[in-house]
PDB file of all heavy atoms in Angstrom:
ATOM      1  N   THR A   1     156.672 109.890 100.890  1.00  0.00           N
ATOM      2  CA  THR A   1     156.585 111.343 101.103  1.00  0.00           C
ATOM      3  C   THR A   1     157.868 112.075 100.910  1.00  0.00           C
ATOM      4  O   THR A   1     158.908 111.510 101.071  1.00  0.00           O
ATOM      5  CB  THR A   1     156.010 111.637 102.418  1.00  0.00           C
ATOM      6  OG1 THR A   1     156.931 111.087 103.480  1.00  0.00           O
ATOM      7  CG2 THR A   1     154.652 111.020 102.657  1.00  0.00           C
ATOM      8  N   VAL A   2     157.701 113.334 100.439  1.00  0.00           N
ATOM      9  CA  VAL A   2     158.891 114.253 100.341  1.00  0.00           C
ATOM     10  C   VAL A   2     158.498 115.520 101.154  1.00  0.00           C
ATOM     11  O   VAL A   2     157.362 116.045 100.759  1.00  0.00           O
ATOM     12  CB  VAL A   2     159.253 114.556  98.893  1.00  0.00           C
ATOM     13  CG1 VAL A   2     160.447 115.494  98.849  1.00  0.00           C
ATOM     14  CG2 VAL A   2     159.572 113.227  98.101  1.00  0.00           C
ATOM     15  N   ALA A   3     159.293 115.955 101.983  1.00  0.00           N
ATOM     16  CA  ALA A   3     158.921 117.111 102.774  1.00  0.00           C
ATOM     17  C   ALA A   3     158.847 118.434 101.896  1.00  0.00           C
ATOM     18  O   ALA A   3     159.684 118.504 101.005  1.00  0.00           O
ATOM     19  CB  ALA A   3     159.915 117.369 103.824  1.00  0.00           C
ATOM     20  N   PRO A   4     157.809 119.231 102.019  1.00  0.00           N
ATOM     21  CA  PRO A   4     157.659 120.398 101.313  1.00  0.00           C
ATOM     22  C   PRO A   4     158.781 121.482 101.749  1.00  0.00           C
ATOM     23  O   PRO A   4     159.373 121.231 102.852  1.00  0.00           O
ATOM     24  CB  PRO A   4     156.300 120.924 101.604  1.00  0.00           C
ATOM     25  CG  PRO A   4     156.104 120.382 102.963  1.00  0.00           C
ATOM     26  CD  PRO A   4     156.659 119.045 103.060  1.00  0.00           C
ATOM     27  N   ASP A   5     158.912 122.477 101.022  1.00  0.00           N
ATOM     28  CA  ASP A   5     159.766 123.532 101.482  1.00  0.00           C
ATOM     29  C   ASP A   5     159.211 124.139 102.691  1.00  0.00           C
ATOM     30  O   ASP A   5     158.024 124.338 102.944  1.00  0.00           O
ATOM     31  CB  ASP A   5     159.864 124.639 100.316  1.00  0.00           C
ATOM     32  CG  ASP A   5     160.758 125.773 100.650  1.00  0.00           C
ATOM     33  OD1 ASP A   5     161.958 125.549 100.496  1.00  0.00           O
ATOM     34  OD2 ASP A   5     160.243 126.836 101.122  1.00  0.00           O
ATOM     35  N   ALA A   6     160.189 124.481 103.618  1.00  0.00           N
ATOM     36  CA  ALA A   6     159.735 125.036 104.972  1.00  0.00           C
ATOM     37  C   ALA A   6     159.031 126.372 104.844  1.00  0.00           C
ATOM     38  O   ALA A   6     158.098 126.617 105.529  1.00  0.00           O
ATOM     39  CB  ALA A   6     160.951 125.218 105.865  1.00  0.00           C
ATOM     40  N   GLY A   7     159.414 127.171 103.865  1.00  0.00           N
ATOM     41  CA  GLY A   7     158.768 128.466 103.555  1.00  0.00           C
ATOM     42  C   GLY A   7     157.297 128.197 103.143  1.00  0.00           C
ATOM     43  O   GLY A   7     156.405 129.121 103.439  1.00  0.00           O
ATOM     44  N   LEU A   8     157.052 127.157 102.408  1.00  0.00           N
ATOM     45  CA  LEU A   8     155.607 126.923 101.934  1.00  0.00           C
ATOM     46  C   LEU A   8     154.792 126.681 103.168  1.00  0.00           C
ATOM     47  O   LEU A   8     153.638 127.166 103.273  1.00  0.00           O
ATOM     48  CB  LEU A   8     155.567 125.774 101.033  1.00  0.00           C
ATOM     49  CG  LEU A   8     154.245 125.488 100.378  1.00  0.00           C
ATOM     50  CD1 LEU A   8     153.879 126.636  99.359  1.00  0.00           C
ATOM     51  CD2 LEU A   8     154.279 124.192  99.590  1.00  0.00           C
ATOM     52  N   VAL A   9     155.245 125.874 104.100  1.00  0.00           N
ATOM     53  CA  VAL A   9     154.467 125.522 105.364  1.00  0.00           C
ATOM     54  C   VAL A   9     154.290 126.828 106.177  1.00  0.00           C
ATOM     55  O   VAL A   9     153.249 127.108 106.708  1.00  0.00           O
ATOM     56  CB  VAL A   9     155.139 124.430 106.183  1.00  0.00           C
ATOM     57  CG1 VAL A   9     154.477 124.263 107.484  1.00  0.00           C
ATOM     58  CG2 VAL A   9     155.285 123.183 105.337  1.00  0.00           C
ATOM     59  N   GLU A  10     155.373 127.619 106.314  1.00  0.00           N
ATOM     60  CA  GLU A  10     155.346 128.904 106.972  1.00  0.00           C
ATOM     61  C   GLU A  10     154.282 129.787 106.465  1.00  0.00           C
ATOM     62  O   GLU A  10     153.461 130.412 107.177  1.00  0.00           O
ATOM     63  CB  GLU A  10     156.696 129.555 106.990  1.00  0.00           C
ATOM     64  CG  GLU A  10     156.659 130.944 107.631  1.00  0.00           C
ATOM     65  CD  GLU A  10     158.066 131.699 107.452  1.00  0.00           C
ATOM     66  OE1 GLU A  10     159.046 130.991 107.505  1.00  0.00           O
ATOM     67  OE2 GLU A  10     157.958 132.927 107.345  1.00  0.00           O
ATOM     68  N   ASP A  11     154.228 129.912 105.153  1.00  0.00           N
ATOM     69  CA  ASP A  11     153.129 130.829 104.499  1.00  0.00           C
ATOM     70  C   ASP A  11     151.732 130.184 104.663  1.00  0.00           C
ATOM     71  O   ASP A  11     150.799 130.934 104.804  1.00  0.00           O
ATOM     72  CB  ASP A  11     153.425 130.875 103.022  1.00  0.00           C
ATOM     73  CG  ASP A  11     154.529 131.910 102.799  1.00  0.00           C
ATOM     74  OD1 ASP A  11     154.948 132.597 103.676  1.00  0.00           O
ATOM     75  OD2 ASP A  11     155.018 132.016 101.476  1.00  0.00           O
ATOM     76  N   LEU A  12     151.627 128.872 104.691  1.00  0.00           N
ATOM     77  CA  LEU A  12     150.345 128.258 104.849  1.00  0.00           C
ATOM     78  C   LEU A  12     149.816 128.575 106.319  1.00  0.00           C
ATOM     79  O   LEU A  12     148.617 128.839 106.546  1.00  0.00           O
ATOM     80  CB  LEU A  12     150.405 126.809 104.601  1.00  0.00           C
ATOM     81  CG  LEU A  12     149.060 125.970 104.715  1.00  0.00           C
ATOM     82  CD1 LEU A  12     148.031 126.519 103.821  1.00  0.00           C
ATOM     83  CD2 LEU A  12     149.316 124.513 104.430  1.00  0.00           C
ATOM     84  N   VAL A  13     150.620 128.433 107.300  1.00  0.00           N
ATOM     85  CA  VAL A  13     150.265 128.878 108.711  1.00  0.00           C
ATOM     86  C   VAL A  13     149.914 130.303 108.676  1.00  0.00           C
ATOM     87  O   VAL A  13     148.857 130.671 109.312  1.00  0.00           O
ATOM     88  CB  VAL A  13     151.482 128.464 109.580  1.00  0.00           C
ATOM     89  CG1 VAL A  13     151.242 129.124 111.019  1.00  0.00           C
ATOM     90  CG2 VAL A  13     151.704 127.051 109.749  1.00  0.00           C
ATOM     91  N   ALA A  14     150.773 131.166 108.108  1.00  0.00           N
ATOM     92  CA  ALA A  14     150.423 132.605 108.103  1.00  0.00           C
ATOM     93  C   ALA A  14     149.131 132.931 107.409  1.00  0.00           C
ATOM     94  O   ALA A  14     148.330 133.670 107.891  1.00  0.00           O
ATOM     95  CB  ALA A  14     151.604 133.364 107.367  1.00  0.00           C
ATOM     96  N   ALA A  15     148.870 132.147 106.271  1.00  0.00           N
ATOM     97  CA  ALA A  15     147.624 132.419 105.562  1.00  0.00           C
ATOM     98  C   ALA A  15     146.389 132.200 106.384  1.00  0.00           C
ATOM     99  O   ALA A  15     145.420 132.832 106.371  1.00  0.00           O
ATOM    100  CB  ALA A  15     147.566 131.603 104.270  1.00  0.00           C
ATOM    101  N   ASN A  16     146.384 130.986 107.240  1.00  0.00           N
ATOM    102  CA  ASN A  16     145.291 130.785 108.068  1.00  0.00           C
ATOM    103  C   ASN A  16     145.039 131.967 109.011  1.00  0.00           C
ATOM    104  O   ASN A  16     143.901 132.311 109.338  1.00  0.00           O
ATOM    105  CB  ASN A  16     145.589 129.515 108.815  1.00  0.00           C
ATOM    106  CG  ASN A  16     145.367 128.228 108.101  1.00  0.00           C
ATOM    107  OD1 ASN A  16     144.103 127.775 108.158  1.00  0.00           O
ATOM    108  ND2 ASN A  16     146.270 127.636 107.492  1.00  0.00           N
ATOM    109  N   ARG A  17     146.116 132.453 109.594  1.00  0.00           N
ATOM    110  CA  ARG A  17     145.944 133.545 110.597  1.00  0.00           C
ATOM    111  C   ARG A  17     145.553 134.845 109.983  1.00  0.00           C
ATOM    112  O   ARG A  17     144.753 135.568 110.418  1.00  0.00           O
ATOM    113  CB  ARG A  17     147.293 133.745 111.378  1.00  0.00           C
ATOM    114  CG  ARG A  17     147.631 132.532 112.096  1.00  0.00           C
ATOM    115  CD  ARG A  17     149.041 132.501 112.649  1.00  0.00           C
ATOM    116  NE  ARG A  17     149.289 131.377 113.488  1.00  0.00           N
ATOM    117  CZ  ARG A  17     149.195 131.343 114.842  1.00  0.00           C
ATOM    118  NH1 ARG A  17     148.820 132.419 115.427  1.00  0.00           N
ATOM    119  NH2 ARG A  17     149.498 130.277 115.462  1.00  0.00           N
ATOM    120  N   ILE A  18     145.991 135.080 108.731  1.00  0.00           N
ATOM    121  CA  ILE A  18     145.698 136.315 107.981  1.00  0.00           C
ATOM    122  C   ILE A  18     144.134 136.250 107.653  1.00  0.00           C
ATOM    123  O   ILE A  18     143.505 137.312 107.761  1.00  0.00           O
ATOM    124  CB  ILE A  18     146.453 136.437 106.656  1.00  0.00           C
ATOM    125  CG1 ILE A  18     147.959 136.763 106.954  1.00  0.00           C
ATOM    126  CG2 ILE A  18     145.937 137.488 105.743  1.00  0.00           C
ATOM    127  CD1 ILE A  18     148.956 136.630 105.790  1.00  0.00           C
ATOM    128  N   LEU A  19     143.724 135.215 107.146  1.00  0.00           N
ATOM    129  CA  LEU A  19     142.289 134.982 106.778  1.00  0.00           C
ATOM    130  C   LEU A  19     141.437 135.340 108.002  1.00  0.00           C
ATOM    131  O   LEU A  19     140.352 135.938 107.829  1.00  0.00           O
ATOM    132  CB  LEU A  19     142.022 133.636 106.224  1.00  0.00           C
ATOM    133  CG  LEU A  19     142.604 133.437 104.875  1.00  0.00           C
ATOM    134  CD1 LEU A  19     142.521 131.898 104.488  1.00  0.00           C
ATOM    135  CD2 LEU A  19     142.058 134.246 103.774  1.00  0.00           C
ATOM    136  N   PHE A  20     141.769 134.891 109.183  1.00  0.00           N
ATOM    137  CA  PHE A  20     141.029 135.137 110.366  1.00  0.00           C
ATOM    138  C   PHE A  20     141.152 136.656 110.635  1.00  0.00           C
ATOM    139  O   PHE A  20     140.114 137.344 111.019  1.00  0.00           O
ATOM    140  CB  PHE A  20     141.571 134.398 111.596  1.00  0.00           C
ATOM    141  CG  PHE A  20     140.936 134.751 112.966  1.00  0.00           C
ATOM    142  CD1 PHE A  20     139.584 134.343 113.184  1.00  0.00           C
ATOM    143  CD2 PHE A  20     141.638 135.538 113.820  1.00  0.00           C
ATOM    144  CE1 PHE A  20     139.031 134.696 114.341  1.00  0.00           C
ATOM    145  CE2 PHE A  20     141.029 135.946 114.958  1.00  0.00           C
ATOM    146  CZ  PHE A  20     139.751 135.603 115.282  1.00  0.00           C
ATOM    147  N   ASP A  21     142.318 137.242 110.620  1.00  0.00           N
ATOM    148  CA  ASP A  21     142.590 138.574 111.010  1.00  0.00           C
ATOM    149  C   ASP A  21     141.860 139.606 110.037  1.00  0.00           C
ATOM    150  O   ASP A  21     141.381 140.542 110.422  1.00  0.00           O
ATOM    151  CB  ASP A  21     144.103 138.927 110.842  1.00  0.00           C
ATOM    152  CG  ASP A  21     144.480 140.193 111.471  1.00  0.00           C
ATOM    153  OD1 ASP A  21     144.123 140.449 112.688  1.00  0.00           O
ATOM    154  OD2 ASP A  21     145.184 141.054 110.833  1.00  0.00           O
ATOM    155  N   GLN A  22     141.705 139.146 108.769  1.00  0.00           N
ATOM    156  CA  GLN A  22     140.916 139.985 107.775  1.00  0.00           C
ATOM    157  C   GLN A  22     139.432 139.729 107.721  1.00  0.00           C
ATOM    158  O   GLN A  22     138.738 140.226 106.894  1.00  0.00           O
ATOM    159  CB  GLN A  22     141.554 139.712 106.396  1.00  0.00           C
ATOM    160  CG  GLN A  22     143.092 140.187 106.296  1.00  0.00           C
ATOM    161  CD  GLN A  22     143.124 141.765 106.448  1.00  0.00           C
ATOM    162  OE1 GLN A  22     142.416 142.511 105.861  1.00  0.00           O
ATOM    163  NE2 GLN A  22     144.137 142.114 107.258  1.00  0.00           N
ATOM    164  N   GLY A  23     138.954 138.848 108.585  1.00  0.00           N
ATOM    165  CA  GLY A  23     137.503 138.558 108.682  1.00  0.00           C
ATOM    166  C   GLY A  23     137.010 137.721 107.625  1.00  0.00           C
ATOM    167  O   GLY A  23     135.660 137.760 107.388  1.00  0.00           O
ATOM    168  N   VAL A  24     137.841 136.927 106.941  1.00  0.00           N
ATOM    169  CA  VAL A  24     137.374 136.041 105.898  1.00  0.00           C
ATOM    170  C   VAL A  24     136.867 134.738 106.515  1.00  0.00           C
ATOM    171  O   VAL A  24     135.877 134.092 106.024  1.00  0.00           O
ATOM    172  CB  VAL A  24     138.465 135.794 104.808  1.00  0.00           C
ATOM    173  CG1 VAL A  24     137.900 134.760 103.856  1.00  0.00           C
ATOM    174  CG2 VAL A  24     138.772 137.117 104.165  1.00  0.00           C
ATOM    175  N   VAL A  25     137.546 134.294 107.537  1.00  0.00           N
ATOM    176  CA  VAL A  25     137.169 133.149 108.314  1.00  0.00           C
ATOM    177  C   VAL A  25     136.957 133.428 109.734  1.00  0.00           C
ATOM    178  O   VAL A  25     137.374 134.429 110.259  1.00  0.00           O
ATOM    179  CB  VAL A  25     138.217 131.889 108.094  1.00  0.00           C
ATOM    180  CG1 VAL A  25     138.342 131.549 106.657  1.00  0.00           C
ATOM    181  CG2 VAL A  25     139.539 132.306 108.699  1.00  0.00           C
ATOM    182  N   ASP A  26     136.240 132.579 110.458  1.00  0.00           N
ATOM    183  CA  ASP A  26     136.200 132.674 111.912  1.00  0.00           C
ATOM    184  C   ASP A  26     136.773 131.363 112.600  1.00  0.00           C
ATOM    185  O   ASP A  26     137.862 131.068 112.284  1.00  0.00           O
ATOM    186  CB  ASP A  26     134.808 133.051 112.385  1.00  0.00           C
ATOM    187  CG  ASP A  26     133.723 132.104 111.849  1.00  0.00           C
ATOM    188  OD1 ASP A  26     134.060 131.074 111.223  1.00  0.00           O
ATOM    189  OD2 ASP A  26     132.574 132.456 111.847  1.00  0.00           O
ATOM    190  N   GLY A  27     135.919 130.620 113.219  1.00  0.00           N
ATOM    191  CA  GLY A  27     136.389 129.248 113.690  1.00  0.00           C
ATOM    192  C   GLY A  27     136.325 128.275 112.627  1.00  0.00           C
ATOM    193  O   GLY A  27     136.666 127.092 112.796  1.00  0.00           O
ATOM    194  N   PHE A  28     135.619 128.651 111.501  1.00  0.00           N
ATOM    195  CA  PHE A  28     135.428 127.624 110.410  1.00  0.00           C
ATOM    196  C   PHE A  28     136.088 128.126 109.194  1.00  0.00           C
ATOM    197  O   PHE A  28     136.359 129.379 108.964  1.00  0.00           O
ATOM    198  CB  PHE A  28     133.952 127.360 110.154  1.00  0.00           C
ATOM    199  CG  PHE A  28     133.286 126.781 111.263  1.00  0.00           C
ATOM    200  CD1 PHE A  28     132.633 127.492 112.296  1.00  0.00           C
ATOM    201  CD2 PHE A  28     133.289 125.435 111.414  1.00  0.00           C
ATOM    202  CE1 PHE A  28     132.000 126.972 113.403  1.00  0.00           C
ATOM    203  CE2 PHE A  28     132.582 124.756 112.475  1.00  0.00           C
ATOM    204  CZ  PHE A  28     132.033 125.520 113.479  1.00  0.00           C
ATOM    205  N   GLY A  29     136.222 127.331 108.142  1.00  0.00           N
ATOM    206  CA  GLY A  29     136.955 127.625 106.886  1.00  0.00           C
ATOM    207  C   GLY A  29     138.339 127.065 106.890  1.00  0.00           C
ATOM    208  O   GLY A  29     138.942 126.640 107.917  1.00  0.00           O
TER     209      GLY A  29
END
């Protein structure tokens, strides 16, 4: 394994939260 860029992980975490905040996902997705 090679660690991904920290910014990519940060954006992935943010994206999960954004999708919930924008009503695209709830507890699923």
